[in-house]
Every structure is written in C-alpha cells, then in structure tokens.
Amino acid sequence: MNVEQWQTSKEKEVRELKNLWESGGISESEYKELVEDVIDIAKIQDDLATEDLKNKVVKAIDAIKVVAGLL
C-alpha cells in the first residue's frame, strides 16, 4: 500500500466514524479518541522505513484531520 492508498483508506475510516458520531452512535469524546487512534503518528512511524515516507504520511495525517474536523 502506498501513501496515497493509505490516506484514502484512513479518510474513509474517519468519515465512517464521523457519520457514526453525527448519528448519535458514539459521543464526541469517543469520536475524537477513535480518530486520534487512526492517526497516531507514533504507531504509523514504526511501520515506515524512510524519512521521505514519514514526511508524506505527516502531510496525509493533516489532510485526515481536516476531514475529521480536527483542524
């Protein structure tokens, strides 16, 4: 999986969580905690081999935060 595919996958996951929160399925605090789990940079960086990939993923995480409404 490349960074773009990873980002698309995570954005979809965050949108699903956002829909669940907006429909009352989870609380706002649960939503924020679950989104933070999705974009936990420490967990992600362990899987990345190069600095270039790490930088791309940091940018992708920022984009995912925008989707989640956290930025």
PDB file of N, CA and C in Angstrom:
ATOM      1  N   MET A   1       0.848  -1.174   0.000  1.00  0.00           N
ATOM      2  CA  MET A   1       0.000   0.000   0.000  1.00  0.00           C
ATOM      3  C   MET A   1       0.893   1.235   0.000  1.00  0.00           C
ATOM      4  N   ASN A   2       0.642   2.150  -0.935  1.00  0.00           N
ATOM      5  CA  ASN A   2       1.421   3.384  -0.954  1.00  0.00           C
ATOM      6  C   ASN A   2       0.741   4.441  -0.072  1.00  0.00           C
ATOM      7  N   VAL A   3       1.373   5.583   0.078  1.00  0.00           N
ATOM      8  CA  VAL A   3       0.873   6.622   0.979  1.00  0.00           C
ATOM      9  C   VAL A   3      -0.499   7.118   0.545  1.00  0.00           C
ATOM     10  N   GLU A   4      -0.704   7.274  -0.751  1.00  0.00           N
ATOM     11  CA  GLU A   4      -1.989   7.761  -1.236  1.00  0.00           C
ATOM     12  C   GLU A   4      -3.112   6.773  -0.918  1.00  0.00           C
ATOM     13  N   GLN A   5      -2.851   5.499  -1.087  1.00  0.00           N
ATOM     14  CA  GLN A   5      -3.857   4.481  -0.765  1.00  0.00           C
ATOM     15  C   GLN A   5      -4.112   4.457   0.737  1.00  0.00           C
ATOM     16  N   TRP A   6      -3.052   4.588   1.521  1.00  0.00           N
ATOM     17  CA  TRP A   6      -3.190   4.628   2.969  1.00  0.00           C
ATOM     18  C   TRP A   6      -4.060   5.815   3.381  1.00  0.00           C
ATOM     19  N   GLN A   7      -3.777   6.989   2.808  1.00  0.00           N
ATOM     20  CA  GLN A   7      -4.532   8.188   3.139  1.00  0.00           C
ATOM     21  C   GLN A   7      -6.000   8.012   2.782  1.00  0.00           C
ATOM     22  N   THR A   8      -6.285   7.493   1.612  1.00  0.00           N
ATOM     23  CA  THR A   8      -7.667   7.276   1.187  1.00  0.00           C
ATOM     24  C   THR A   8      -8.389   6.336   2.148  1.00  0.00           C
ATOM     25  N   SER A   9      -7.710   5.283   2.531  1.00  0.00           N
ATOM     26  CA  SER A   9      -8.280   4.311   3.469  1.00  0.00           C
ATOM     27  C   SER A   9      -8.591   4.953   4.817  1.00  0.00           C
ATOM     28  N   LYS A  10      -7.659   5.738   5.326  1.00  0.00           N
ATOM     29  CA  LYS A  10      -7.849   6.378   6.630  1.00  0.00           C
ATOM     30  C   LYS A  10      -8.914   7.472   6.568  1.00  0.00           C
ATOM     31  N   GLU A  11      -8.975   8.215   5.464  1.00  0.00           N
ATOM     32  CA  GLU A  11     -10.026   9.227   5.315  1.00  0.00           C
ATOM     33  C   GLU A  11     -11.400   8.564   5.321  1.00  0.00           C
ATOM     34  N   LYS A  12     -11.519   7.421   4.651  1.00  0.00           N
ATOM     35  CA  LYS A  12     -12.785   6.682   4.642  1.00  0.00           C
ATOM     36  C   LYS A  12     -13.144   6.245   6.056  1.00  0.00           C
ATOM     37  N   GLU A  13     -12.166   5.730   6.776  1.00  0.00           N
ATOM     38  CA  GLU A  13     -12.397   5.287   8.151  1.00  0.00           C
ATOM     39  C   GLU A  13     -12.867   6.454   9.026  1.00  0.00           C
ATOM     40  N   VAL A  14     -12.238   7.620   8.864  1.00  0.00           N
ATOM     41  CA  VAL A  14     -12.606   8.794   9.650  1.00  0.00           C
ATOM     42  C   VAL A  14     -14.006   9.280   9.262  1.00  0.00           C
ATOM     43  N   ARG A  15     -14.342   9.254   7.985  1.00  0.00           N
ATOM     44  CA  ARG A  15     -15.693   9.657   7.566  1.00  0.00           C
ATOM     45  C   ARG A  15     -16.745   8.732   8.188  1.00  0.00           C
ATOM     46  N   GLU A  16     -16.456   7.439   8.238  1.00  0.00           N
ATOM     47  CA  GLU A  16     -17.376   6.489   8.855  1.00  0.00           C
ATOM     48  C   GLU A  16     -17.551   6.787  10.343  1.00  0.00           C
ATOM     49  N   LEU A  17     -16.448   7.103  11.019  1.00  0.00           N
ATOM     50  CA  LEU A  17     -16.538   7.476  12.428  1.00  0.00           C
ATOM     51  C   LEU A  17     -17.329   8.765  12.611  1.00  0.00           C
ATOM     52  N   LYS A  18     -17.109   9.726  11.712  1.00  0.00           N
ATOM     53  CA  LYS A  18     -17.826  10.999  11.796  1.00  0.00           C
ATOM     54  C   LYS A  18     -19.322  10.785  11.603  1.00  0.00           C
ATOM     55  N   ASN A  19     -19.696   9.939  10.646  1.00  0.00           N
ATOM     56  CA  ASN A  19     -21.110   9.628  10.437  1.00  0.00           C
ATOM     57  C   ASN A  19     -21.710   8.968  11.669  1.00  0.00           C
ATOM     58  N   LEU A  20     -20.968   8.072  12.291  1.00  0.00           N
ATOM     59  CA  LEU A  20     -21.430   7.391  13.493  1.00  0.00           C
ATOM     60  C   LEU A  20     -21.648   8.397  14.621  1.00  0.00           C
ATOM     61  N   TRP A  21     -20.720   9.329  14.787  1.00  0.00           N
ATOM     62  CA  TRP A  21     -20.845  10.367  15.813  1.00  0.00           C
ATOM     63  C   TRP A  21     -22.041  11.277  15.523  1.00  0.00           C
ATOM     64  N   GLU A  22     -22.155  11.726  14.258  1.00  0.00           N
ATOM     65  CA  GLU A  22     -23.239  12.645  13.898  1.00  0.00           C
ATOM     66  C   GLU A  22     -24.614  11.991  14.025  1.00  0.00           C
ATOM     67  N   SER A  23     -24.673  10.673  13.901  1.00  0.00           N
ATOM     68  CA  SER A  23     -25.953   9.976  14.036  1.00  0.00           C
ATOM     69  C   SER A  23     -26.247   9.590  15.489  1.00  0.00           C
ATOM     70  N   GLY A  24     -25.327   9.935  16.390  1.00  0.00           N
ATOM     71  CA  GLY A  24     -25.548   9.658  17.805  1.00  0.00           C
ATOM     72  C   GLY A  24     -25.063   8.286  18.254  1.00  0.00           C
ATOM     73  N   GLY A  25     -24.369   7.580  17.380  1.00  0.00           N
ATOM     74  CA  GLY A  25     -23.885   6.247  17.716  1.00  0.00           C
ATOM     75  C   GLY A  25     -22.732   6.238  18.711  1.00  0.00           C
ATOM     76  N   ILE A  26     -21.953   7.319  18.723  1.00  0.00           N
ATOM     77  CA  ILE A  26     -20.861   7.473  19.687  1.00  0.00           C
ATOM     78  C   ILE A  26     -20.826   8.928  20.140  1.00  0.00           C
ATOM     79  N   SER A  27     -20.226   9.165  21.293  1.00  0.00           N
ATOM     80  CA  SER A  27     -20.119  10.529  21.817  1.00  0.00           C
ATOM     81  C   SER A  27     -18.996  11.278  21.102  1.00  0.00           C
ATOM     82  N   GLU A  28     -18.972  12.589  21.283  1.00  0.00           N
ATOM     83  CA  GLU A  28     -17.915  13.393  20.672  1.00  0.00           C
ATOM     84  C   GLU A  28     -16.546  12.996  21.210  1.00  0.00           C
ATOM     85  N   SER A  29     -16.462  12.726  22.508  1.00  0.00           N
ATOM     86  CA  SER A  29     -15.170  12.339  23.078  1.00  0.00           C
ATOM     87  C   SER A  29     -14.718  10.981  22.538  1.00  0.00           C
ATOM     88  N   GLU A  30     -15.652  10.051  22.350  1.00  0.00           N
ATOM     89  CA  GLU A  30     -15.303   8.758  21.755  1.00  0.00           C
ATOM     90  C   GLU A  30     -14.826   8.948  20.321  1.00  0.00           C
ATOM     91  N   TYR A  31     -15.531   9.808  19.583  1.00  0.00           N
ATOM     92  CA  TYR A  31     -15.167  10.108  18.202  1.00  0.00           C
ATOM     93  C   TYR A  31     -13.730  10.640  18.126  1.00  0.00           C
ATOM     94  N   LYS A  32     -13.436  11.637  18.947  1.00  0.00           N
ATOM     95  CA  LYS A  32     -12.103  12.242  18.921  1.00  0.00           C
ATOM     96  C   LYS A  32     -11.029  11.225  19.310  1.00  0.00           C
ATOM     97  N   GLU A  33     -11.322  10.391  20.294  1.00  0.00           N
ATOM     98  CA  GLU A  33     -10.356   9.373  20.711  1.00  0.00           C
ATOM     99  C   GLU A  33     -10.102   8.359  19.591  1.00  0.00           C
ATOM    100  N   LEU A  34     -11.165   7.935  18.921  1.00  0.00           N
ATOM    101  CA  LEU A  34     -11.019   6.968  17.830  1.00  0.00           C
ATOM    102  C   LEU A  34     -10.263   7.570  16.650  1.00  0.00           C
ATOM    103  N   VAL A  35     -10.521   8.832  16.339  1.00  0.00           N
ATOM    104  CA  VAL A  35      -9.793   9.492  15.251  1.00  0.00           C
ATOM    105  C   VAL A  35      -8.317   9.603  15.611  1.00  0.00           C
ATOM    106  N   GLU A  36      -8.023   9.960  16.843  1.00  0.00           N
ATOM    107  CA  GLU A  36      -6.625  10.052  17.267  1.00  0.00           C
ATOM    108  C   GLU A  36      -5.938   8.694  17.142  1.00  0.00           C
ATOM    109  N   ASP A  37      -6.661   7.625  17.429  1.00  0.00           N
ATOM    110  CA  ASP A  37      -6.090   6.282  17.252  1.00  0.00           C
ATOM    111  C   ASP A  37      -5.761   6.015  15.783  1.00  0.00           C
ATOM    112  N   VAL A  38      -6.632   6.463  14.889  1.00  0.00           N
ATOM    113  CA  VAL A  38      -6.425   6.250  13.456  1.00  0.00           C
ATOM    114  C   VAL A  38      -5.165   6.966  12.982  1.00  0.00           C
ATOM    115  N   ILE A  39      -4.913   8.144  13.528  1.00  0.00           N
ATOM    116  CA  ILE A  39      -3.806   8.968  13.036  1.00  0.00           C
ATOM    117  C   ILE A  39      -2.649   9.065  14.026  1.00  0.00           C
ATOM    118  N   ASP A  40      -2.512   8.092  14.895  1.00  0.00           N
ATOM    119  CA  ASP A  40      -1.431   8.083  15.888  1.00  0.00           C
ATOM    120  C   ASP A  40      -0.084   7.960  15.175  1.00  0.00           C
ATOM    121  N   ILE A  41       0.644   9.058  15.115  1.00  0.00           N
ATOM    122  CA  ILE A  41       1.893   9.123  14.353  1.00  0.00           C
ATOM    123  C   ILE A  41       2.942   8.156  14.894  1.00  0.00           C
ATOM    124  N   ALA A  42       2.962   7.932  16.188  1.00  0.00           N
ATOM    125  CA  ALA A  42       3.960   7.013  16.748  1.00  0.00           C
ATOM    126  C   ALA A  42       3.758   5.597  16.214  1.00  0.00           C
ATOM    127  N   LYS A  43       2.519   5.162  16.140  1.00  0.00           N
ATOM    128  CA  LYS A  43       2.230   3.830  15.605  1.00  0.00           C
ATOM    129  C   LYS A  43       2.573   3.757  14.123  1.00  0.00           C
ATOM    130  N   ILE A  44       2.269   4.807  13.405  1.00  0.00           N
ATOM    131  CA  ILE A  44       2.484   4.829  11.961  1.00  0.00           C
ATOM    132  C   ILE A  44       3.972   4.864  11.633  1.00  0.00           C
ATOM    133  N   GLN A  45       4.732   5.675  12.341  1.00  0.00           N
ATOM    134  CA  GLN A  45       6.156   5.836  12.032  1.00  0.00           C
ATOM    135  C   GLN A  45       6.943   4.549  12.232  1.00  0.00           C
ATOM    136  N   ASP A  46       6.504   3.720  13.140  1.00  0.00           N
ATOM    137  CA  ASP A  46       7.192   2.437  13.339  1.00  0.00           C
ATOM    138  C   ASP A  46       7.160   1.587  12.074  1.00  0.00           C
ATOM    139  N   ASP A  47       6.133   1.790  11.266  1.00  0.00           N
ATOM    140  CA  ASP A  47       5.973   0.997  10.053  1.00  0.00           C
ATOM    141  C   ASP A  47       6.670   1.597   8.837  1.00  0.00           C
ATOM    142  N   LEU A  48       7.213   2.785   8.969  1.00  0.00           N
ATOM    143  CA  LEU A  48       7.799   3.468   7.819  1.00  0.00           C
ATOM    144  C   LEU A  48       9.317   3.340   7.815  1.00  0.00           C
ATOM    145  N   ALA A  49       9.834   3.053   6.652  1.00  0.00           N
ATOM    146  CA  ALA A  49      11.264   2.784   6.541  1.00  0.00           C
ATOM    147  C   ALA A  49      12.087   4.031   6.241  1.00  0.00           C
ATOM    148  N   THR A  50      11.515   5.003   5.577  1.00  0.00           N
ATOM    149  CA  THR A  50      12.312   6.155   5.149  1.00  0.00           C
ATOM    150  C   THR A  50      11.738   7.469   5.664  1.00  0.00           C
ATOM    151  N   GLU A  51      12.598   8.451   5.775  1.00  0.00           N
ATOM    152  CA  GLU A  51      12.188   9.782   6.211  1.00  0.00           C
ATOM    153  C   GLU A  51      11.210  10.403   5.211  1.00  0.00           C
ATOM    154  N   ASP A  52      11.421  10.146   3.930  1.00  0.00           N
ATOM    155  CA  ASP A  52      10.539  10.680   2.906  1.00  0.00           C
ATOM    156  C   ASP A  52       9.113  10.184   3.107  1.00  0.00           C
ATOM    157  N   LEU A  53       8.973   8.894   3.374  1.00  0.00           N
ATOM    158  CA  LEU A  53       7.637   8.344   3.633  1.00  0.00           C
ATOM    159  C   LEU A  53       7.028   8.955   4.885  1.00  0.00           C
ATOM    160  N   LYS A  54       7.838   9.137   5.911  1.00  0.00           N
ATOM    161  CA  LYS A  54       7.336   9.745   7.148  1.00  0.00           C
ATOM    162  C   LYS A  54       6.796  11.140   6.874  1.00  0.00           C
ATOM    163  N   ASN A  55       7.502  11.924   6.086  1.00  0.00           N
ATOM    164  CA  ASN A  55       7.054  13.275   5.761  1.00  0.00           C
ATOM    165  C   ASN A  55       5.754  13.255   4.977  1.00  0.00           C
ATOM    166  N   LYS A  56       5.634  12.329   4.039  1.00  0.00           N
ATOM    167  CA  LYS A  56       4.397  12.215   3.254  1.00  0.00           C
ATOM    168  C   LYS A  56       3.226  11.824   4.147  1.00  0.00           C
ATOM    169  N   VAL A  57       3.469  10.935   5.085  1.00  0.00           N
ATOM    170  CA  VAL A  57       2.396  10.498   5.971  1.00  0.00           C
ATOM    171  C   VAL A  57       1.976  11.620   6.916  1.00  0.00           C
ATOM    172  N   VAL A  58       2.910  12.422   7.374  1.00  0.00           N
ATOM    173  CA  VAL A  58       2.555  13.563   8.220  1.00  0.00           C
ATOM    174  C   VAL A  58       1.614  14.494   7.466  1.00  0.00           C
ATOM    175  N   LYS A  59       1.891  14.744   6.204  1.00  0.00           N
ATOM    176  CA  LYS A  59       1.005  15.574   5.383  1.00  0.00           C
ATOM    177  C   LYS A  59      -0.350  14.900   5.205  1.00  0.00           C
ATOM    178  N   ALA A  60      -0.343  13.593   5.013  1.00  0.00           N
ATOM    179  CA  ALA A  60      -1.596  12.853   4.870  1.00  0.00           C
ATOM    180  C   ALA A  60      -2.415  12.923   6.159  1.00  0.00           C
ATOM    181  N   ILE A  61      -1.745  12.834   7.296  1.00  0.00           N
ATOM    182  CA  ILE A  61      -2.443  12.922   8.589  1.00  0.00           C
ATOM    183  C   ILE A  61      -3.102  14.279   8.730  1.00  0.00           C
ATOM    184  N   ASP A  62      -2.431  15.336   8.329  1.00  0.00           N
ATOM    185  CA  ASP A  62      -3.034  16.670   8.384  1.00  0.00           C
ATOM    186  C   ASP A  62      -4.293  16.721   7.526  1.00  0.00           C
ATOM    187  N   ALA A  63      -4.259  16.106   6.356  1.00  0.00           N
ATOM    188  CA  ALA A  63      -5.436  16.075   5.488  1.00  0.00           C
ATOM    189  C   ALA A  63      -6.570  15.285   6.147  1.00  0.00           C
ATOM    190  N   ILE A  64      -6.232  14.201   6.819  1.00  0.00           N
ATOM    191  CA  ILE A  64      -7.241  13.395   7.502  1.00  0.00           C
ATOM    192  C   ILE A  64      -7.849  14.185   8.664  1.00  0.00           C
ATOM    193  N   LYS A  65      -7.031  14.963   9.365  1.00  0.00           N
ATOM    194  CA  LYS A  65      -7.548  15.803  10.445  1.00  0.00           C
ATOM    195  C   LYS A  65      -8.562  16.810   9.919  1.00  0.00           C
ATOM    196  N   VAL A  66      -8.325  17.323   8.713  1.00  0.00           N
ATOM    197  CA  VAL A  66      -9.268  18.257   8.097  1.00  0.00           C
ATOM    198  C   VAL A  66     -10.602  17.537   7.844  1.00  0.00           C
ATOM    199  N   VAL A  67     -10.538  16.328   7.318  1.00  0.00           N
ATOM    200  CA  VAL A  67     -11.750  15.534   7.078  1.00  0.00           C
ATOM    201  C   VAL A  67     -12.488  15.303   8.392  1.00  0.00           C
ATOM    202  N   ALA A  68     -11.733  15.035   9.461  1.00  0.00           N
ATOM    203  CA  ALA A  68     -12.323  14.750  10.769  1.00  0.00           C
ATOM    204  C   ALA A  68     -12.843  16.001  11.456  1.00  0.00           C
ATOM    205  N   GLY A  69     -12.455  17.179  10.956  1.00  0.00           N
ATOM    206  CA  GLY A  69     -12.866  18.422  11.584  1.00  0.00           C
ATOM    207  C   GLY A  69     -12.001  18.783  12.775  1.00  0.00           C
ATOM    208  N   LEU A  70     -10.810  18.200  12.853  1.00  0.00           N
ATOM    209  CA  LEU A  70      -9.914  18.487  13.971  1.00  0.00           C
ATOM    210  C   LEU A  70      -8.951  19.630  13.678  1.00  0.00           C
ATOM    211  N   LEU A  71      -8.899  20.085  12.435  1.00  0.00           N
ATOM    212  CA  LEU A  71      -8.067  21.242  12.074  1.00  0.00           C
ATOM    213  C   LEU A  71      -8.939  22.311  11.470  1.00  0.00           C
TER     214      LEU A  71
END
